[in-house]
Protein backbone atom coordinates (compact mmCIF):
# COMPACT_ATOMS: atom_id res chain seq x y z
CA MET A 1 -10.90 -9.95 8.02
CA ALA A 2 -8.26 -10.21 -0.01
CA PRO A 3 -7.92 -10.32 -2.36
CA THR A 4 -7.56 -14.28 -3.88
CA LEU A 5 -5.56 -13.78 -6.68
CA ILE A 6 -5.27 -14.17 -10.31
CA PRO A 7 -3.60 -12.00 -12.94
CA THR A 8 -6.90 -11.38 -14.72
CA LEU A 9 -8.76 -10.88 -11.47
CA ALA A 10 -10.80 -7.86 -12.54
CA ARG A 11 -14.20 -9.55 -12.52
CA GLY A 12 -16.15 -12.68 -11.61
CA ALA A 13 -16.58 -14.99 -8.65
CA MET A 14 -12.85 -15.23 -7.93
CA GLU A 15 -12.64 -11.45 -7.50
CA ALA A 16 -15.62 -11.54 -5.16
CA ALA A 17 -13.79 -14.04 -2.97
CA LEU A 18 -10.69 -11.83 -2.95
CA VAL A 19 -12.60 -8.70 -2.06
CA ALA A 20 -14.46 -10.54 0.68
CA LEU A 21 -11.20 -11.67 2.21
CA LEU A 22 -9.52 -8.28 1.84
CA LEU A 23 -12.36 -6.42 3.50
CA GLY A 24 -12.75 -8.88 6.34
CA ALA A 25 -15.93 -10.62 5.19
CA ALA A 26 -16.70 -14.16 6.25
CA ALA A 27 -14.29 -16.45 4.52
CA CYS A 28 -14.24 -20.22 4.15
CA THR A 29 -17.42 -21.98 5.14
CA VAL A 30 -15.74 -25.27 6.06
CA THR A 31 -14.95 -25.81 9.72
CA PRO A 32 -11.85 -27.99 9.84
CA PRO A 33 -12.22 -31.24 11.75
CA LEU A 34 -9.61 -32.14 14.32
CA SER A 35 -8.65 -35.23 12.34
CA SER A 36 -7.93 -33.39 9.08
CA ALA A 37 -4.10 -33.57 9.30
CA ARG A 38 -2.24 -33.82 6.01
CA GLY A 39 0.81 -35.95 5.39
CA GLY A 40 4.38 -34.75 5.87
CA ALA A 41 6.70 -33.74 8.67
CA ALA A 42 6.79 -30.51 10.61
CA THR A 43 9.74 -28.59 11.97
CA THR A 44 10.38 -29.56 15.58
CA GLY A 45 13.04 -27.09 16.66
CA ALA A 46 15.00 -23.97 15.82
CA THR A 47 17.87 -25.79 14.11
CA GLN A 48 15.96 -28.53 12.34
CA GLN A 49 15.17 -27.67 8.73
CA ALA A 50 11.73 -28.23 7.27
CA PRO A 51 11.34 -30.59 4.27
CA PRO A 52 11.42 -29.06 0.79
CA ALA A 53 8.26 -27.31 -0.26
CA ALA A 54 5.80 -29.31 -2.34
CA PRO A 55 4.82 -27.86 -5.73
CA PRO A 56 2.13 -25.18 -5.37
CA PRO A 57 -1.40 -25.95 -6.46
CA SER A 58 -2.20 -25.49 -10.12
CA GLY A 59 -2.72 -21.86 -11.07
CA THR A 60 -0.89 -20.40 -8.05
CA PRO A 61 1.49 -17.66 -9.18
CA ALA A 62 5.16 -18.05 -8.34
CA THR A 63 6.62 -15.86 -5.62
CA ILE A 64 8.48 -12.88 -7.07
CA ALA A 65 12.15 -13.51 -7.62
CA ALA A 66 13.38 -11.10 -4.96
CA ALA A 67 11.43 -12.73 -2.15
CA PRO A 68 13.68 -15.05 -0.10
CA ALA A 69 12.85 -18.71 -0.33
CA ALA A 70 11.30 -20.34 2.71
CA PRO A 71 10.34 -23.96 3.19
CA VAL A 72 6.66 -24.81 3.36
CA ILE A 73 5.90 -27.11 6.27
CA ARG A 74 3.19 -29.69 5.71
CA PRO A 75 1.26 -29.70 8.98
CA VAL A 76 0.68 -32.89 10.91
CA ALA A 77 -0.96 -33.31 14.27
CA PRO A 78 1.90 -33.69 16.77
CA PRO A 79 2.03 -36.58 19.22
CA PRO A 80 1.19 -35.82 22.83
CA SER A 81 4.21 -34.26 24.53
CA LEU A 82 5.29 -31.78 27.12
CA ALA A 83 5.21 -28.09 26.29
CA PRO A 84 7.86 -27.47 23.62
CA THR A 85 10.91 -25.30 24.17
CA ARG A 86 10.32 -21.94 22.55
CA THR A 87 12.63 -20.76 19.75
CA ASP A 88 12.86 -17.41 17.99
CA THR A 89 11.20 -18.83 14.88
CA ILE A 90 8.21 -17.02 13.35
CA ALA A 91 5.65 -19.31 11.67
CA LEU A 92 3.59 -17.89 8.81
CA ILE A 93 0.36 -19.93 8.64
CA LEU A 94 -1.65 -19.36 5.46
CA PRO A 95 -4.26 -21.23 3.34
CA LEU A 96 -1.80 -21.68 0.47
CA GLU A 97 -3.52 -24.89 -0.61
CA SER A 98 -7.05 -23.44 -0.62
CA PRO A 99 -8.68 -23.24 -4.07
CA ALA A 100 -10.54 -20.07 -3.04
CA TYR A 101 -7.86 -18.28 -1.01
CA GLY A 102 -4.57 -19.78 -2.16
CA ARG A 103 -3.62 -16.84 -4.35
CA ALA A 104 -4.53 -14.32 -1.65
CA ALA A 105 -2.36 -16.27 0.76
CA ASP A 106 0.49 -16.31 -1.75
CA ALA A 107 0.41 -12.51 -2.04
CA VAL A 108 0.62 -12.15 1.75
CA LYS A 109 3.46 -14.69 1.85
CA THR A 110 5.35 -12.85 -0.87
CA GLY A 111 5.21 -9.56 1.04
CA PHE A 112 6.09 -11.21 4.35
CA LEU A 113 9.15 -12.96 2.93
CA ALA A 114 10.26 -9.84 1.04
CA ALA A 115 10.25 -7.88 4.32
CA ALA A 116 12.01 -10.70 6.15
CA GLY A 117 14.69 -10.88 3.46
CA ARG A 118 15.28 -7.12 3.58
CA ALA A 119 15.72 -7.37 7.36
CA GLY A 120 18.16 -10.27 6.99
CA SER A 121 15.76 -12.55 8.88
CA GLY A 122 14.61 -14.90 6.14
CA SER A 123 16.04 -17.93 7.93
CA ARG A 124 13.95 -17.11 10.97
CA VAL A 125 10.67 -17.60 9.08
CA ARG A 126 8.93 -20.95 8.58
CA VAL A 127 5.92 -21.13 6.26
CA ILE A 128 3.14 -23.57 7.12
CA GLY A 129 0.66 -23.99 4.29
CA HIS A 130 -2.78 -25.56 4.68
CA GLY A 131 -6.03 -26.10 2.80
CA ASP A 132 -9.60 -25.17 3.65
CA ASP A 133 -9.79 -27.88 6.31
CA GLY A 134 -6.26 -27.72 7.72
CA VAL A 135 -5.84 -24.72 9.99
CA LEU A 136 -5.89 -26.74 13.22
CA PRO A 137 -3.13 -29.17 12.16
CA ALA A 138 -1.15 -26.17 10.93
CA PHE A 139 -1.31 -24.50 14.33
CA ALA A 140 -0.55 -27.81 16.01
CA ALA A 141 2.60 -28.08 13.88
CA ALA A 142 3.65 -24.58 14.90
CA GLU A 143 3.04 -25.34 18.58
CA ASN A 144 4.97 -28.58 18.37
CA ALA A 145 7.88 -26.76 16.73
CA GLY A 146 8.04 -24.30 19.60
CA VAL A 147 7.79 -21.18 17.45
CA ALA A 148 7.85 -17.80 19.17
CA LEU A 149 4.93 -16.43 17.15
CA ALA A 150 2.37 -17.71 14.65
CA VAL A 151 1.25 -15.18 12.03
CA GLY A 152 -2.24 -16.18 10.85
CA PRO A 153 -4.94 -17.32 10.28
CA LEU A 154 -5.92 -15.30 7.23
CA THR A 155 -9.70 -15.90 7.07
CA ARG A 156 -12.41 -15.17 9.61
CA ASP A 157 -13.68 -18.72 9.75
CA ASP A 158 -10.18 -20.07 10.37
CA LEU A 159 -9.65 -17.53 13.14
CA LYS A 160 -12.92 -18.53 14.74
CA THR A 161 -11.87 -22.20 14.57
CA VAL A 162 -8.45 -21.58 16.10
CA ILE A 163 -9.86 -19.51 18.96
CA ALA A 164 -12.50 -22.14 19.74
CA MET A 165 -10.54 -25.34 19.18
CA ALA A 166 -6.82 -24.69 19.65
CA PRO A 167 -6.27 -23.70 23.28
CA ALA A 168 -2.64 -24.87 23.05
CA ARG A 169 -1.01 -22.69 20.45
CA PRO A 170 1.82 -20.17 20.10
CA ARG A 171 1.38 -16.45 20.57
CA MET A 172 -0.61 -15.33 17.52
CA LEU A 173 -0.85 -12.36 15.17
CA ALA A 174 -4.12 -12.99 13.31
CA LEU A 175 -4.61 -11.38 9.91
CA ASN A 176 -8.36 -11.00 10.28
CA GLN A 177 -10.93 -10.26 12.97
CA ALA A 178 -13.82 -12.01 14.65
CA ASP A 179 -17.28 -11.63 13.09
CA ASP A 180 -18.93 -10.56 16.33
CA GLY A 181 -16.19 -8.28 17.61
CA SER A 182 -15.55 -10.61 20.54
CA PRO A 183 -12.31 -10.02 22.48
CA LEU A 184 -9.17 -11.86 21.51
CA PRO A 185 -7.81 -14.58 23.78
CA VAL A 186 -4.66 -14.07 25.82
CA ASP A 187 -1.48 -13.79 23.76
CA ALA A 188 -3.39 -13.03 20.55
CA TYR A 189 -3.15 -9.90 18.40
CA ALA A 190 -4.93 -8.89 15.18
CA LEU A 191 -3.98 -6.90 12.08
CA THR A 192 -6.58 -6.61 9.34
CA LEU A 193 -7.38 -4.77 6.12
CA SER A 194 -11.02 -4.54 7.16
CA PHE A 195 -12.63 -1.45 5.66
CA GLU A 196 -14.59 -0.55 8.79
CA THR A 197 -11.57 1.51 9.84
CA ASP A 198 -11.64 3.32 6.48
CA ALA A 199 -15.33 4.16 6.93
CA ALA A 200 -14.68 5.50 10.43
CA LEU A 201 -11.85 7.71 9.14
CA LEU A 202 -14.11 9.16 6.42
CA ALA A 203 -16.78 9.91 9.01
CA ARG A 204 -14.23 11.97 10.94
CA VAL A 205 -13.19 13.75 7.73
CA ALA A 206 -16.82 14.62 6.96
CA ARG A 207 -17.23 16.06 10.44
CA ALA A 208 -14.05 18.10 10.04
CA ASP A 209 -15.40 19.38 6.69
CA GLY A 210 -18.40 20.79 8.53
CA ALA A 211 -21.05 18.33 7.36
CA ASN A 212 -24.10 17.93 9.59
CA ALA A 213 -26.72 16.16 7.45
CA ILE A 214 -25.44 12.99 5.74
CA ALA A 215 -27.08 10.74 3.14
CA LEU A 216 -25.95 7.13 2.66
CA VAL A 217 -26.38 5.68 -0.85
CA SER A 218 -25.46 2.02 -1.16
CA SER A 219 -26.12 -1.12 -3.13
CA ASN A 220 -27.52 -4.26 -1.50
CA ALA A 221 -24.13 -6.02 -1.53
CA PRO A 222 -23.14 -7.18 1.98
CA LEU A 223 -19.74 -5.48 1.84
CA GLN A 224 -21.26 -2.15 0.84
CA GLN A 225 -23.81 -2.48 3.61
CA ARG A 226 -21.07 -3.09 6.14
CA PHE A 227 -19.23 0.00 4.94
CA VAL A 228 -22.19 2.35 5.39
CA ALA A 229 -23.03 0.72 8.73
CA ALA A 230 -19.49 1.41 9.97
CA PHE A 231 -19.67 5.01 8.73
CA ALA A 232 -23.04 5.54 10.42
CA ALA A 233 -21.80 4.03 13.69
CA GLU A 234 -18.79 6.37 13.84
CA TRP A 235 -20.98 9.31 12.79
CA ARG A 236 -23.44 8.68 15.60
CA ARG A 237 -20.65 8.00 18.11
CA ALA A 238 -19.33 11.50 17.44
CA GLY A 239 -22.78 13.00 18.03
CA GLY A 240 -24.02 13.27 14.44
CA SER A 241 -27.70 13.11 13.58
CA PRO A 242 -29.02 9.85 12.05
CA PRO A 243 -28.11 9.70 8.34
CA ARG A 244 -30.75 9.36 5.62
CA GLU A 245 -30.36 6.00 3.87
CA TYR A 246 -31.07 5.17 0.21
CA ARG A 247 -30.59 2.08 -1.95
CA PHE A 248 -28.83 2.37 -5.30
CA ASP A 249 -30.67 0.76 -8.21
CA PRO A 250 -29.40 1.27 -11.78
CA ASP A 251 -32.93 1.24 -13.18
CA PRO A 252 -33.49 4.70 -14.78
CA GLU A 253 -36.81 5.20 -13.02
CA MET A 254 -35.27 4.41 -9.63
CA LEU A 255 -32.33 6.70 -10.35
CA GLY A 256 -34.74 9.54 -11.11
CA LEU A 257 -36.52 8.87 -7.82
CA LEU A 258 -33.18 8.90 -5.99
CA ARG A 259 -32.33 12.29 -7.48
CA ARG A 260 -35.66 13.79 -6.42
CA GLU A 261 -35.45 12.44 -2.88
CA LEU A 262 -31.91 13.71 -2.40
CA ALA A 263 -32.91 17.16 -3.62
CA ALA A 264 -35.56 17.82 -0.98
CA PRO A 265 -33.69 19.02 0.92
CA PRO A 266 -30.15 18.12 -0.17
CA PRO A 267 -27.78 16.75 2.49
CA ASP A 268 -24.47 18.39 3.36
CA ALA A 269 -22.59 15.36 2.02
CA VAL A 270 -23.21 11.91 0.53
CA VAL A 271 -21.56 8.58 1.33
CA LEU A 272 -21.47 6.39 -1.79
CA ALA A 273 -21.04 2.64 -1.38
CA VAL A 274 -21.40 0.94 -4.76
CA ASP A 275 -19.13 -1.08 -7.02
CA GLY A 276 -16.66 0.87 -9.14
CA ASP A 277 -18.55 -0.01 -12.33
CA ASP A 278 -21.63 1.79 -11.02
CA ALA A 279 -19.87 4.64 -9.25
CA ALA A 280 -19.86 7.23 -12.05
CA LEU A 281 -23.50 6.51 -12.91
CA ALA A 282 -24.56 6.82 -9.27
CA LYS A 283 -22.64 10.05 -8.73
CA SER A 284 -24.30 11.68 -11.74
CA PHE A 285 -27.63 11.47 -9.88
CA LEU A 286 -26.30 12.92 -6.60
CA PRO A 287 -26.66 16.57 -5.61
CA PRO A 288 -23.55 18.79 -5.97
CA ARG A 289 -22.24 18.01 -2.52
CA PRO A 290 -19.04 16.42 -1.15
CA VAL A 291 -18.97 12.65 -1.74
CA TYR A 292 -17.15 10.13 0.46
CA ALA A 293 -16.89 6.69 -1.09
CA VAL A 294 -16.21 3.11 -0.19
CA SER A 295 -12.56 2.11 -0.38
CA GLN A 296 -11.37 0.55 -3.65
CA ILE A 297 -13.98 2.51 -5.60
CA ALA A 298 -11.37 3.58 -8.15
CA ASP A 299 -9.80 0.15 -8.70
CA GLY A 300 -9.13 -0.47 -12.38
CA LEU A 301 -11.08 2.55 -13.64
CA PRO A 302 -9.57 4.39 -16.63
CA PRO A 303 -9.07 8.20 -16.49
CA GLN A 304 -12.17 8.91 -18.60
CA VAL A 305 -14.32 7.11 -16.01
CA LEU A 306 -12.50 8.66 -13.08
CA ARG A 307 -13.40 12.11 -14.42
CA GLY A 308 -17.01 11.23 -13.67
CA LEU A 309 -15.98 10.80 -10.04
CA ASP A 310 -14.33 14.19 -9.71
CA GLY A 311 -14.22 15.33 -6.09
CA VAL A 312 -14.90 11.90 -4.59
CA ARG A 313 -12.81 11.05 -1.51
CA TYR A 314 -11.94 7.59 -0.28
CA VAL A 315 -9.24 5.85 1.76
CA GLU A 316 -6.29 3.95 0.29
CA ILE A 317 -3.26 2.22 1.79
CA PRO A 318 0.01 4.22 1.57
CA TRP A 319 1.78 1.41 -0.29
CA LEU A 320 -0.34 2.08 -3.39
CA VAL A 321 -0.26 5.88 -3.34
CA GLU A 322 3.03 7.00 -1.77
CA PRO A 323 5.39 4.07 -1.15
CA ASP A 324 8.48 6.26 -1.43
CA GLY A 325 7.36 8.26 1.58
CA LEU A 326 7.30 5.25 3.91
CA PRO A 327 10.01 4.02 6.27
CA ILE A 328 10.18 0.98 3.99
CA ALA A 329 10.93 3.15 0.95
CA GLY A 330 13.02 1.17 -1.48
CA MET A 331 11.23 -2.11 -0.77
CA GLN A 332 10.69 -4.01 -3.99
CA HIS A 333 7.23 -3.81 -5.54
CA ALA A 334 5.57 -7.10 -6.31
CA ASN A 335 3.94 -5.88 -9.54
CA LEU A 336 1.12 -8.36 -9.09
CA GLY A 337 -1.00 -6.55 -11.66
CA ASN A 338 -4.01 -6.03 -9.42
CA PRO A 339 -4.57 -3.54 -6.57
CA ILE A 340 -6.30 -6.16 -4.45
CA LEU A 341 -3.23 -8.36 -4.55
CA GLU A 342 -0.94 -5.40 -3.93
CA ARG A 343 -2.87 -4.61 -0.76
CA LEU A 344 -2.37 -8.16 0.43
CA TYR A 345 1.32 -7.89 -0.38
CA ALA A 346 1.44 -4.75 1.78
CA LEU A 347 -0.36 -6.64 4.55
CA GLY A 348 2.47 -9.16 4.44
CA LEU A 349 5.06 -6.37 4.71
CA ASP A 350 3.42 -4.94 7.82
CA ALA A 351 2.76 -8.35 9.34
CA PHE A 352 6.49 -9.12 9.34
CA ALA A 353 7.38 -5.72 10.84
CA LEU A 354 4.95 -6.35 13.70
CA ALA A 355 5.94 -10.02 14.03
CA GLN A 356 9.52 -9.08 14.87
CA MET A 357 8.28 -7.10 17.87
CA LEU A 358 5.57 -9.51 18.98
CA ALA A 359 7.94 -12.51 18.85
CA GLU A 360 10.09 -11.03 21.62
CA PRO A 361 9.92 -12.96 24.93
CA VAL A 362 8.07 -9.96 26.40
CA PRO A 363 6.23 -8.13 23.59
CA PRO A 364 5.93 -4.33 23.85
CA GLU A 365 2.82 -2.84 25.37
CA ARG A 366 2.82 0.09 22.95
CA ILE A 367 3.46 -0.08 19.20
CA GLU A 368 3.17 2.77 16.67
CA LEU A 369 4.20 2.03 13.08
CA ASP A 370 3.92 3.96 9.83
CA GLY A 371 3.39 0.90 7.70
CA ALA A 372 2.55 -0.06 4.16
CA THR A 373 -1.15 -0.42 5.01
CA GLY A 374 -1.37 2.77 7.08
CA HIS A 375 -0.45 4.15 10.47
CA LEU A 376 -0.76 1.24 12.91
CA SER A 377 -1.41 1.65 16.63
CA LEU A 378 -1.71 -1.16 19.15
CA THR A 379 -4.93 -0.79 21.14
CA ALA A 380 -5.76 -2.05 24.61
CA ALA A 381 -7.77 -4.85 22.95
CA ARG A 382 -4.52 -6.03 21.22
CA THR A 383 -5.85 -5.14 17.79
CA PHE A 384 -3.99 -2.77 15.51
CA ALA A 385 -5.95 0.34 14.63
CA ARG A 386 -5.12 1.24 11.04
CA GLU A 387 -5.40 4.67 9.43
CA GLY A 388 -4.88 4.89 5.68
CA ARG A 389 -4.50 7.90 3.39
CA VAL A 390 -7.49 10.00 2.36
CA MET A 391 -7.41 10.32 -1.43
CA GLU A 392 -9.39 12.55 -3.80
CA ILE A 393 -10.17 12.07 -7.48
CA ARG A 394 -9.37 15.22 -9.45
CA ASP A 395 -9.22 15.65 -13.22
CA GLY A 396 -9.25 11.92 -13.81
CA ARG A 397 -6.39 11.26 -11.38
CA VAL A 398 -6.19 9.99 -7.82
CA GLN A 399 -4.33 12.45 -5.58
CA PRO A 400 -3.76 12.90 -1.85
CA SER A 401 -6.58 14.88 -0.25
CA GLN A 402 -5.92 17.92 1.89
CA ALA A 403 -8.60 16.73 4.30
CA THR A 404 -7.55 16.39 7.94
CA PRO A 405 -9.89 14.63 10.37
């Protein structure tokens, strides 16, 4: 359904893992066995306190000072018992001990606890950390404790495991989505930063701009392919003609070929799905037409590079572009030093806001929230549709677009 996080996260394999998590790509590849419980004791009731948190794994950044402290529960498989008495506790279940996703999980936790502290509900939250093979014991610990709501899992593979192998569990707000789009089980909800929703929004903007013929230019990276596929699906759903598709290749000869093919005849608009490092180069070979780009295309680019992307539109979360205009204006910024981590922090903010409502004995049937990650609407499928802000790069700066879908 993320960013996994490191202060110098700009490049490399660790960034790839973070981006994959943030955009809802397949996550961990390890399916946790039922017998993979870790040592320690779990909270068993509303008034019983969890044991002190163990030291975080090496390299995990400390939670920002303003975030309220919360004990980390080491999950253990509970003994057979009758159904537990439900409390008003909210369990936050994250892969804090995962080498690949621990830092991503920490950013989500930091945002979640910051929002809980601002609401005066920090004591209501219990954090359950687990590793790559521990999501089932973590959910078992939450079920045994009788929590009102479990927020998690964070990765797609963990969500798939919980749905398939944990029939007895608390009500759940998952922070990712199923690979195959299968429906959620009863008493399960989903909030995700998946960029398919961003692609669909841009398709509606392109239609509103009057575009009829669209060209899709993308690299071979799986995430970029998913973006253009989501754009094309929304475009066709709205009655648009099939887009023309092209592969981006930085080889000069292939770039020349791309320019010639796009010129005969030129499309009304181009969708560009390449990494930020290649974005300015790719745009220089596009016809002078409106360009709609994959989200995060401007991450970390200096103004001189952004000038090469003048006119490009993409979707960003409100927390990064206009936090003072949100209902949570005044919320402390994490200053994590990386936009991927900041988006995960914002996911934590929104997850807590929704958790308060979903933890009620009878959760609401309709939820609309102007959140840190966008406008959130509860759908009939119990997933939260998310609409971010359309941004435009002008004169080397990222600014709100005047586009209205």
